[in-house]
Amino acid sequence: MTLKGLFCKSLFLLWILCAFTYAAKGGSRRGYKLTTTQTSKATLKNRQVDFLAPMENISIPLGKDAVFTCKIDRDVQPEQLQLVWLRLDSQTILAFKDRTVQNNPRIKISNEERREFSLHIENVQPEDAGVYVVQINTNPVSQMRAYLDVLVPPVILPSETTEHASVREASNVTLKCAASGHPPPVITWTRDDNGYITPRGDEKALAYNGSELVLERVGRADMASYLCVASNGVPPAVSQRINVKVDFPPMVWVEPRHVGAWLGGSATLKCETEAHPAGVHFWFREGVVLTNSDKYDILFEPAPEPQAYRTKMSLLVKNINSKDFGDFVCSASNSHGSVEGVAKLYEVDIPPEARTTLIPKGKSTHRTGAKKKEKVLYEKQGQMEQDQPMPVEEHVKGALRKKETGNSAPRDSKTSSFWSFLYALQVLLIFFLDRIEW
């Protein structure tokens, strides 16, 4: 081949290369005809590729996985489609085509089908909330937006919540409860014992909504554990228990004031006190503090919450003697004062039903012994009277009385004659025996 032929061939190849390059850059708009491959690439830019359906907003609890999905209306070769995911509020590109841009292991993309593309955000956190955008390389650019709402369960804020409250009776108290979360939590107050709450300016109710609970002129009936419950529809709801203590001086009730008992028996004296802080309780007798012993049994019974400020006191006096009758003093005291109540023990006779229980079988008391002694004296006196001789006239009169009144039942004549004979014979024997000198 000559030098001239080689030059012409090179020039022809250069012309074909330039034509191809110009056509690839849009020269077809000016009437250039392209090959089949060149026509396919240019058609993607000229043909409108659109999204099939809007991308949905997502509301998801904290820690769960969120997925944004978009679909296009026709099949496109992966190398011909430029799809971008980005965060709108920060203008941050998250992924381009099939690659993630941010160094965040919680963000992933997927393309399970040729027309479906997804952005995955694992273990969502509050900072992930915002607007997310997906766009494709159409002319003009096609894009969709969706909002990610991260639902955060409520959390009690200790620094802004009352731990406990202790106030004097008839004072005012304010209880506070604060919580964070999304949506903002609603604060509800209840009593742990399901009692009524009387907020300032409202009627009493079983529950009250608000971050602050104001109680006016509190009394011992307001002493309880109050529950602050924070909820926003995202489980779990949380609560804080706040104990309200009302301080007041002691009070005492003695019932009954008078208690009867008999010698040798036992009796129980009772009184009830109220005090907060908890009082110190004693039983006194003539200025001396009583303790548990063979003579006394002392029992203290505090009431359960929320009425733990109440205490029942009882004193059992055993083997009562004459020195035990009189006043017994029930005493209570705390840092706000002291108080006393008096119960009187007095003597009563032993009731009949109690005698059998007090006198065991085989034993005798002083009273039964006296009766036995009287019986012995009577028997001795009767024996002495029997030892003395009785005049004949008395025997005769006695026999006649017995004959007349001894047997009132009707008898026949033979029986009456027989008894008359026996009585006469008895009288004669007594007469002769009385006359004989032994």
Protein backbone atom coordinates (compact mmCIF):
# COMPACT_ATOMS: atom_id res chain seq x y z
CA MET A 1 0.00 0.00 0.00
CA THR A 2 1.30 3.44 -1.00
CA LEU A 3 1.71 6.28 1.40
CA LYS A 4 -1.21 8.09 -0.23
CA GLY A 5 -3.54 5.11 0.24
CA LEU A 6 -2.58 4.71 3.88
CA PHE A 7 -3.28 8.38 4.55
CA CYS A 8 -6.75 8.21 2.93
CA LYS A 9 -7.68 5.13 4.91
CA SER A 10 -6.64 6.79 8.18
CA LEU A 11 -8.60 9.92 7.33
CA PHE A 12 -11.71 7.82 6.63
CA LEU A 13 -11.49 6.06 9.99
CA LEU A 14 -11.05 9.37 11.79
CA TRP A 15 -14.18 10.71 10.08
CA ILE A 16 -16.23 7.70 11.21
CA LEU A 17 -15.02 8.12 14.80
CA CYS A 18 -15.95 11.81 14.89
CA ALA A 19 -19.38 11.09 13.48
CA PHE A 20 -20.06 8.46 16.07
CA THR A 21 -18.95 10.72 18.90
CA TYR A 22 -21.13 13.59 17.70
CA ALA A 23 -24.15 11.31 17.35
CA ALA A 24 -23.66 10.01 20.87
CA LYS A 25 -23.75 13.57 22.22
CA GLY A 26 -27.10 14.36 20.67
CA GLY A 27 -26.30 14.75 17.07
CA SER A 28 -29.35 12.69 16.23
CA ARG A 29 -31.48 15.76 16.93
CA ARG A 30 -29.97 17.21 13.77
CA GLY A 31 -30.88 14.26 11.58
CA TYR A 32 -27.95 11.89 12.08
CA LYS A 33 -28.89 8.23 11.86
CA LEU A 34 -27.46 5.96 14.56
CA THR A 35 -26.88 2.28 14.83
CA THR A 36 -29.22 0.08 16.96
CA THR A 37 -27.07 0.33 20.11
CA GLN A 38 -26.72 4.07 19.82
CA THR A 39 -30.48 4.48 19.38
CA SER A 40 -31.20 2.52 22.66
CA LYS A 41 -29.02 4.81 24.80
CA ALA A 42 -30.48 8.01 23.40
CA THR A 43 -34.07 6.78 23.81
CA LEU A 44 -33.65 6.43 27.66
CA LYS A 45 -32.92 10.11 27.94
CA ASN A 46 -35.74 11.14 25.68
CA ARG A 47 -38.37 8.75 26.96
CA GLN A 48 -40.07 9.71 30.30
CA VAL A 49 -39.49 7.12 33.10
CA ASP A 50 -41.81 7.83 36.01
CA PHE A 51 -42.64 6.44 39.44
CA LEU A 52 -45.53 4.04 39.57
CA ALA A 53 -46.95 5.10 42.98
CA PRO A 54 -46.17 7.70 45.65
CA MET A 55 -43.77 6.74 48.42
CA GLU A 56 -45.55 6.40 51.80
CA ASN A 57 -44.69 8.18 55.04
CA ILE A 58 -43.53 5.93 57.88
CA SER A 59 -44.22 6.12 61.62
CA ILE A 60 -42.22 3.53 63.49
CA PRO A 61 -41.25 2.94 67.12
CA LEU A 62 -37.74 3.54 68.31
CA GLY A 63 -35.39 0.64 67.57
CA LYS A 64 -37.41 -0.88 64.76
CA ASP A 65 -36.42 -1.07 61.05
CA ALA A 66 -37.82 1.41 58.49
CA VAL A 67 -38.05 0.70 54.72
CA PHE A 68 -38.78 3.25 51.98
CA THR A 69 -39.78 1.66 48.65
CA CYS A 70 -40.29 3.16 45.19
CA LYS A 71 -41.44 1.57 41.90
CA ILE A 72 -40.91 2.74 38.33
CA ASP A 73 -43.36 2.17 35.48
CA ARG A 74 -41.10 0.27 33.07
CA ASP A 75 -38.07 -1.96 32.91
CA VAL A 76 -34.71 -0.23 32.57
CA GLN A 77 -31.25 -1.70 32.33
CA PRO A 78 -29.41 -1.10 35.64
CA GLU A 79 -26.49 0.58 33.92
CA GLN A 80 -28.89 2.97 32.18
CA LEU A 81 -30.68 4.13 35.39
CA GLN A 82 -29.25 6.62 37.81
CA LEU A 83 -31.26 6.44 41.10
CA VAL A 84 -30.26 8.53 44.11
CA TRP A 85 -31.43 8.44 47.77
CA LEU A 86 -30.82 11.52 49.89
CA ARG A 87 -31.82 13.23 53.16
CA LEU A 88 -33.58 16.48 52.34
CA ASP A 89 -33.21 18.45 55.57
CA SER A 90 -29.42 17.96 55.63
CA GLN A 91 -28.95 17.67 51.82
CA THR A 92 -27.00 14.47 52.42
CA ILE A 93 -26.68 11.82 49.69
CA LEU A 94 -27.29 8.40 51.24
CA ALA A 95 -26.99 6.08 48.20
CA PHE A 96 -26.27 6.22 44.48
CA LYS A 97 -27.44 3.39 42.22
CA ASP A 98 -26.57 0.22 44.11
CA ARG A 99 -23.98 1.72 46.47
CA THR A 100 -24.32 3.50 49.82
CA VAL A 101 -22.43 6.75 50.15
CA GLN A 102 -22.59 7.38 53.90
CA ASN A 103 -20.45 5.28 56.19
CA ASN A 104 -23.44 4.17 58.21
CA PRO A 105 -23.89 0.41 58.69
CA ARG A 106 -27.59 0.93 59.56
CA ILE A 107 -28.37 2.19 56.01
CA LYS A 108 -28.72 -0.34 53.19
CA ILE A 109 -30.32 -0.47 49.72
CA SER A 110 -31.93 -3.31 47.81
CA ASN A 111 -33.29 -4.01 44.30
CA GLU A 112 -35.26 -7.22 44.56
CA GLU A 113 -37.09 -6.54 41.28
CA ARG A 114 -36.00 -4.51 38.25
CA ARG A 115 -38.76 -1.97 38.87
CA GLU A 116 -38.59 -1.85 42.70
CA PHE A 117 -35.94 -0.12 44.80
CA SER A 118 -35.75 0.15 48.61
CA LEU A 119 -33.83 2.11 51.24
CA HIS A 120 -33.46 0.30 54.59
CA ILE A 121 -32.77 2.10 57.89
CA GLU A 122 -32.16 -0.39 60.67
CA ASN A 123 -32.65 0.26 64.40
CA VAL A 124 -34.08 3.74 63.87
CA GLN A 125 -33.09 6.43 66.34
CA PRO A 126 -34.67 9.83 67.07
CA GLU A 127 -32.09 11.57 64.89
CA ASP A 128 -33.24 9.51 61.87
CA ALA A 129 -36.56 11.36 61.75
CA GLY A 130 -36.94 13.66 58.73
CA VAL A 131 -37.75 13.89 54.99
CA TYR A 132 -36.22 11.34 52.61
CA VAL A 133 -36.04 11.82 48.80
CA VAL A 134 -35.55 9.43 45.89
CA GLN A 135 -34.87 10.72 42.35
CA ILE A 136 -34.05 9.28 38.93
CA ASN A 137 -32.16 10.72 35.91
CA THR A 138 -35.07 11.78 33.75
CA ASN A 139 -35.27 15.13 32.04
CA PRO A 140 -36.55 16.89 34.06
CA VAL A 141 -35.52 14.91 37.12
CA SER A 142 -38.29 12.81 38.72
CA GLN A 143 -38.37 12.57 42.50
CA MET A 144 -40.57 11.58 45.48
CA ARG A 145 -40.52 12.53 49.16
CA ALA A 146 -41.62 10.73 52.32
CA TYR A 147 -41.38 11.49 56.02
CA LEU A 148 -39.92 9.20 58.67
CA ASP A 149 -41.54 9.71 62.10
CA VAL A 150 -39.73 7.96 64.94
CA LEU A 151 -42.07 7.15 67.85
CA VAL A 152 -40.28 7.36 71.19
CA PRO A 153 -41.88 5.84 74.33
CA PRO A 154 -42.20 8.11 77.37
CA VAL A 155 -39.40 8.50 79.89
CA ILE A 156 -39.81 10.12 83.34
CA LEU A 157 -37.39 13.00 83.91
CA PRO A 158 -36.17 12.59 87.51
CA SER A 159 -34.71 16.10 87.73
CA GLU A 160 -38.14 17.63 87.05
CA THR A 161 -40.26 15.16 89.05
CA THR A 162 -41.12 15.25 92.78
CA GLU A 163 -39.58 12.36 94.69
CA HIS A 164 -41.67 12.63 97.87
CA ALA A 165 -43.43 15.27 99.95
CA SER A 166 -43.86 15.81 103.70
CA VAL A 167 -45.99 18.73 104.90
CA ARG A 168 -47.87 19.87 108.00
CA GLU A 169 -51.57 19.27 108.19
CA ALA A 170 -53.72 22.04 106.62
CA SER A 171 -50.82 23.14 104.35
CA ASN A 172 -50.67 23.14 100.51
CA VAL A 173 -48.46 20.82 98.48
CA THR A 174 -47.53 20.75 94.76
CA LEU A 175 -46.53 17.50 93.06
CA LYS A 176 -44.67 17.69 89.72
CA CYS A 177 -44.14 15.06 87.05
CA ALA A 178 -42.26 15.57 83.74
CA ALA A 179 -41.64 13.11 80.92
CA SER A 180 -40.08 13.11 77.46
CA GLY A 181 -41.13 11.15 74.38
CA HIS A 182 -42.65 11.44 70.92
CA PRO A 183 -45.48 12.24 70.65
CA PRO A 184 -45.38 14.33 73.85
CA PRO A 185 -46.65 12.17 76.74
CA VAL A 186 -49.87 12.82 78.66
CA ILE A 187 -49.46 12.86 82.47
CA THR A 188 -52.20 11.19 84.56
CA TRP A 189 -52.35 11.21 88.37
CA THR A 190 -53.99 8.47 90.45
CA ARG A 191 -53.77 7.20 94.01
CA ASP A 192 -52.16 3.86 94.72
CA ASP A 193 -55.09 2.91 96.97
CA ASN A 194 -57.67 3.96 94.31
CA GLY A 195 -58.82 6.81 96.56
CA TYR A 196 -60.18 10.16 95.42
CA ILE A 197 -57.97 13.11 94.45
CA THR A 198 -59.10 16.69 95.08
CA PRO A 199 -56.96 19.03 92.93
CA ARG A 200 -57.07 22.77 93.51
CA GLY A 201 -60.07 24.27 91.77
CA ASP A 202 -61.51 20.90 90.69
CA GLU A 203 -63.95 18.43 92.14
CA LYS A 204 -62.67 15.20 93.61
CA ALA A 205 -62.06 12.44 91.08
CA LEU A 206 -60.24 9.15 90.74
CA ALA A 207 -57.79 10.57 88.15
CA TYR A 208 -56.38 13.95 87.12
CA ASN A 209 -54.48 14.96 83.96
CA GLY A 210 -51.68 17.51 84.09
CA SER A 211 -47.98 17.81 84.78
CA GLU A 212 -48.65 19.41 88.20
CA LEU A 213 -51.03 18.31 90.95
CA VAL A 214 -51.79 20.93 93.61
CA LEU A 215 -53.47 19.79 96.85
CA GLU A 216 -54.81 22.47 99.18
CA ARG A 217 -55.19 22.21 102.97
CA VAL A 218 -54.11 18.60 103.06
CA GLY A 219 -55.31 16.35 105.85
CA ARG A 220 -54.45 12.87 107.01
CA ALA A 221 -56.98 11.52 104.48
CA ASP A 222 -54.67 12.89 101.72
CA MET A 223 -51.75 10.85 103.03
CA ALA A 224 -51.10 8.23 100.32
CA SER A 225 -48.85 7.13 97.46
CA TYR A 226 -49.66 9.07 94.28
CA LEU A 227 -48.87 7.59 90.86
CA CYS A 228 -47.71 9.81 87.99
CA VAL A 229 -48.34 7.83 84.77
CA ALA A 230 -46.84 9.05 81.45
CA SER A 231 -48.22 7.60 78.20
CA ASN A 232 -48.22 8.61 74.51
CA GLY A 233 -49.52 5.51 72.75
CA VAL A 234 -46.05 4.03 72.35
CA PRO A 235 -45.56 1.16 74.78
CA PRO A 236 -44.57 0.89 77.46
CA ALA A 237 -46.16 3.59 79.63
CA VAL A 238 -44.06 4.57 82.65
CA SER A 239 -44.97 5.70 86.15
CA GLN A 240 -43.43 7.31 89.20
CA ARG A 241 -44.67 6.75 92.77
CA ILE A 242 -44.65 9.85 94.99
CA ASN A 243 -45.34 9.41 98.71
CA VAL A 244 -47.16 12.25 100.44
CA LYS A 245 -46.80 12.35 104.25
CA VAL A 246 -48.87 14.69 106.43
CA ASP A 247 -47.44 15.53 109.85
CA PHE A 248 -49.73 16.18 112.84
CA PRO A 249 -49.64 15.82 116.65
CA PRO A 250 -50.98 12.64 118.29
CA MET A 251 -54.63 12.00 119.05
CA VAL A 252 -56.04 9.23 121.28
CA TRP A 253 -59.42 7.50 121.70
CA VAL A 254 -60.25 5.17 124.63
CA GLU A 255 -63.21 2.88 124.08
CA PRO A 256 -64.69 1.78 126.36
CA ARG A 257 -63.64 4.17 129.07
CA HIS A 258 -64.91 1.93 131.90
CA VAL A 259 -64.24 -1.81 132.07
CA GLY A 260 -65.65 -4.11 134.77
CA ALA A 261 -63.84 -7.15 136.17
CA TRP A 262 -64.12 -9.48 139.18
CA LEU A 263 -61.51 -10.72 141.59
CA GLY A 264 -59.39 -13.48 140.12
CA GLY A 265 -60.50 -12.73 136.58
CA SER A 266 -58.92 -10.78 133.70
CA ALA A 267 -59.84 -7.70 131.61
CA THR A 268 -58.67 -6.02 128.39
CA LEU A 269 -58.31 -2.25 128.08
CA LYS A 270 -58.15 -0.69 124.59
CA CYS A 271 -57.23 2.63 123.00
CA GLU A 272 -56.48 3.87 119.47
CA THR A 273 -54.03 6.61 118.47
CA GLU A 274 -53.23 8.62 115.35
CA ALA A 275 -49.91 10.40 114.87
CA HIS A 276 -47.37 11.25 112.17
CA PRO A 277 -44.47 10.88 112.38
CA ALA A 278 -45.20 7.61 114.15
CA GLY A 279 -45.67 8.11 117.87
CA VAL A 280 -44.14 6.42 120.92
CA HIS A 281 -46.81 4.50 122.83
CA PHE A 282 -47.00 3.46 126.52
CA TRP A 283 -49.43 2.18 129.14
CA PHE A 284 -49.06 3.70 132.61
CA ARG A 285 -50.35 2.69 136.05
CA GLU A 286 -49.89 5.23 138.84
CA GLY A 287 -47.03 6.87 136.89
CA VAL A 288 -45.18 3.61 136.23
CA VAL A 289 -44.63 2.36 132.66
CA LEU A 290 -46.14 -1.11 132.20
CA THR A 291 -44.34 -3.86 130.30
CA ASN A 292 -45.15 -7.43 129.34
CA SER A 293 -45.07 -9.71 132.40
CA ASP A 294 -47.05 -12.38 134.24
CA LYS A 295 -49.43 -9.61 135.21
CA TYR A 296 -49.78 -7.69 131.90
CA ASP A 297 -49.86 -8.50 128.19
CA ILE A 298 -49.37 -5.42 125.95
CA LEU A 299 -50.08 -5.44 122.22
CA PHE A 300 -49.53 -2.73 119.54
CA GLU A 301 -51.18 -3.13 116.10
CA PRO A 302 -50.25 -0.52 113.44
CA ALA A 303 -52.78 -0.17 110.61
CA PRO A 304 -51.69 -1.03 107.04
CA GLU A 305 -50.89 1.62 104.43
CA PRO A 306 -52.09 4.19 103.65
CA GLN A 307 -53.36 4.54 107.25
CA ALA A 308 -50.14 3.49 108.94
CA TYR A 309 -50.44 6.57 111.16
CA ARG A 310 -53.11 4.67 113.15
CA THR A 311 -52.17 2.33 116.01
CA LYS A 312 -54.37 0.11 118.15
CA MET A 313 -53.16 -0.51 121.72
CA SER A 314 -54.48 -3.15 124.11
CA LEU A 315 -53.60 -4.04 127.72
CA LEU A 316 -54.62 -7.40 129.22
CA VAL A 317 -54.68 -7.41 133.04
CA LYS A 318 -54.53 -10.95 134.48
CA ASN A 319 -55.28 -12.44 137.92
CA ILE A 320 -57.01 -9.27 139.06
CA ASN A 321 -56.87 -8.41 142.76
CA SER A 322 -58.20 -5.48 144.73
CA LYS A 323 -55.10 -3.38 144.04
CA ASP A 324 -55.65 -3.54 140.26
CA PHE A 325 -58.86 -1.52 140.28
CA GLY A 326 -58.40 2.11 139.21
CA ASP A 327 -57.08 4.20 136.29
CA PHE A 328 -54.81 3.01 133.50
CA VAL A 329 -53.27 5.65 131.18
CA CYS A 330 -52.76 5.21 127.41
CA SER A 331 -50.07 7.63 126.12
CA ALA A 332 -48.79 8.64 122.65
CA SER A 333 -46.17 11.26 121.70
CA ASN A 334 -44.17 12.43 118.66
CA SER A 335 -42.15 15.48 117.60
CA HIS A 336 -45.33 17.57 117.36
CA GLY A 337 -46.77 16.85 120.83
CA SER A 338 -48.16 14.23 123.21
CA VAL A 339 -51.57 13.10 124.46
CA GLU A 340 -53.05 10.75 127.08
CA GLY A 341 -56.26 8.79 127.50
CA VAL A 342 -57.61 7.12 130.68
CA ALA A 343 -59.38 3.77 131.00
CA LYS A 344 -60.92 2.85 134.38
CA LEU A 345 -61.03 -0.71 135.73
CA TYR A 346 -63.73 -1.32 138.38
CA GLU A 347 -64.93 -4.34 140.38
CA VAL A 348 -68.08 -6.36 139.59
CA ASP A 349 -69.59 -9.53 141.10
CA ILE A 350 -68.79 -12.86 139.55
CA PRO A 351 -71.59 -13.75 137.14
CA PRO A 352 -73.15 -17.22 137.64
CA GLU A 353 -71.96 -18.48 134.29
CA ALA A 354 -68.36 -17.60 135.19
CA ARG A 355 -68.30 -19.50 138.53
CA THR A 356 -68.08 -22.92 136.90
CA THR A 357 -65.14 -21.78 134.85
CA LEU A 358 -63.37 -20.17 137.78
CA ILE A 359 -63.76 -23.21 140.20
CA PRO A 360 -62.09 -26.32 138.74
CA LYS A 361 -63.53 -29.72 139.57
CA GLY A 362 -62.12 -31.20 142.81
CA LYS A 363 -61.20 -27.78 144.26
CA SER A 364 -63.14 -25.48 146.58
CA THR A 365 -63.13 -21.77 147.28
CA HIS A 366 -63.50 -19.97 150.62
CA ARG A 367 -67.25 -19.73 150.08
CA THR A 368 -67.77 -23.49 149.45
CA GLY A 369 -65.52 -24.29 152.38
CA ALA A 370 -67.72 -22.19 154.65
CA LYS A 371 -70.78 -24.06 153.44
CA LYS A 372 -69.09 -27.36 154.17
CA LYS A 373 -68.15 -26.13 157.65
CA GLU A 374 -71.74 -25.08 158.34
CA LYS A 375 -72.94 -28.52 157.25
CA VAL A 376 -70.53 -30.23 159.68
CA LEU A 377 -71.68 -28.03 162.58
CA TYR A 378 -75.30 -28.76 161.75
CA GLU A 379 -74.66 -32.51 161.71
CA LYS A 380 -72.86 -32.32 165.08
CA GLN A 381 -75.73 -30.32 166.58
CA GLY A 382 -78.25 -32.87 165.32
CA GLN A 383 -76.19 -35.69 166.81
CA MET A 384 -76.12 -33.94 170.19
CA GLU A 385 -79.86 -33.45 170.08
CA GLN A 386 -80.34 -37.14 169.30
CA ASP A 387 -78.12 -38.09 172.28
CA GLN A 388 -80.38 -36.20 174.76
CA PRO A 389 -83.41 -38.17 176.19
CA MET A 390 -86.76 -37.07 174.85
CA PRO A 391 -89.80 -36.87 177.25
CA VAL A 392 -92.56 -39.51 176.83
CA GLU A 393 -95.13 -36.82 176.08
CA GLU A 394 -93.14 -35.65 173.11
CA HIS A 395 -92.87 -39.17 171.77
CA VAL A 396 -96.58 -39.68 172.10
CA LYS A 397 -97.43 -36.37 170.47
CA GLY A 398 -95.01 -37.07 167.66
CA ALA A 399 -96.46 -40.47 167.08
CA LEU A 400 -99.96 -39.08 166.95
CA ARG A 401 -98.90 -36.36 164.51
CA LYS A 402 -97.37 -38.91 162.23
CA LYS A 403 -100.46 -40.98 162.48
CA GLU A 404 -102.70 -38.09 161.50
CA THR A 405 -100.53 -36.41 158.80
CA GLY A 406 -97.87 -38.91 157.89
CA ASN A 407 -99.83 -40.71 155.22
CA SER A 408 -102.57 -38.86 153.42
CA ALA A 409 -103.27 -41.63 150.95
CA PRO A 410 -106.55 -43.55 151.50
CA ARG A 411 -106.12 -46.88 153.28
CA ASP A 412 -108.52 -49.69 154.18
CA SER A 413 -109.55 -50.43 157.82
CA LYS A 414 -107.17 -53.39 158.28
CA THR A 415 -104.13 -51.36 157.23
CA SER A 416 -105.08 -48.50 159.57
CA SER A 417 -105.47 -50.86 162.55
CA PHE A 418 -102.08 -52.41 161.79
CA TRP A 419 -100.29 -49.06 161.80
CA SER A 420 -102.10 -47.98 164.97
CA PHE A 421 -100.90 -51.12 166.71
CA LEU A 422 -97.31 -50.48 165.67
CA TYR A 423 -97.39 -46.88 166.90
CA ALA A 424 -98.82 -47.93 170.26
CA LEU A 425 -96.18 -50.64 170.63
CA GLN A 426 -93.44 -48.08 169.84
CA VAL A 427 -94.75 -45.70 172.50
CA LEU A 428 -94.80 -48.43 175.19
CA LEU A 429 -91.26 -49.53 174.34
CA ILE A 430 -89.96 -46.00 174.58
CA PHE A 431 -91.79 -45.50 177.91
CA PHE A 432 -90.33 -48.61 179.53
CA LEU A 433 -86.84 -48.00 178.16
CA ASP A 434 -86.91 -44.51 179.60
CA ARG A 435 -87.79 -45.86 183.05
CA ILE A 436 -85.18 -48.58 183.20
CA GLU A 437 -81.97 -47.67 184.96
CA TRP A 438 -79.01 -48.98 182.98
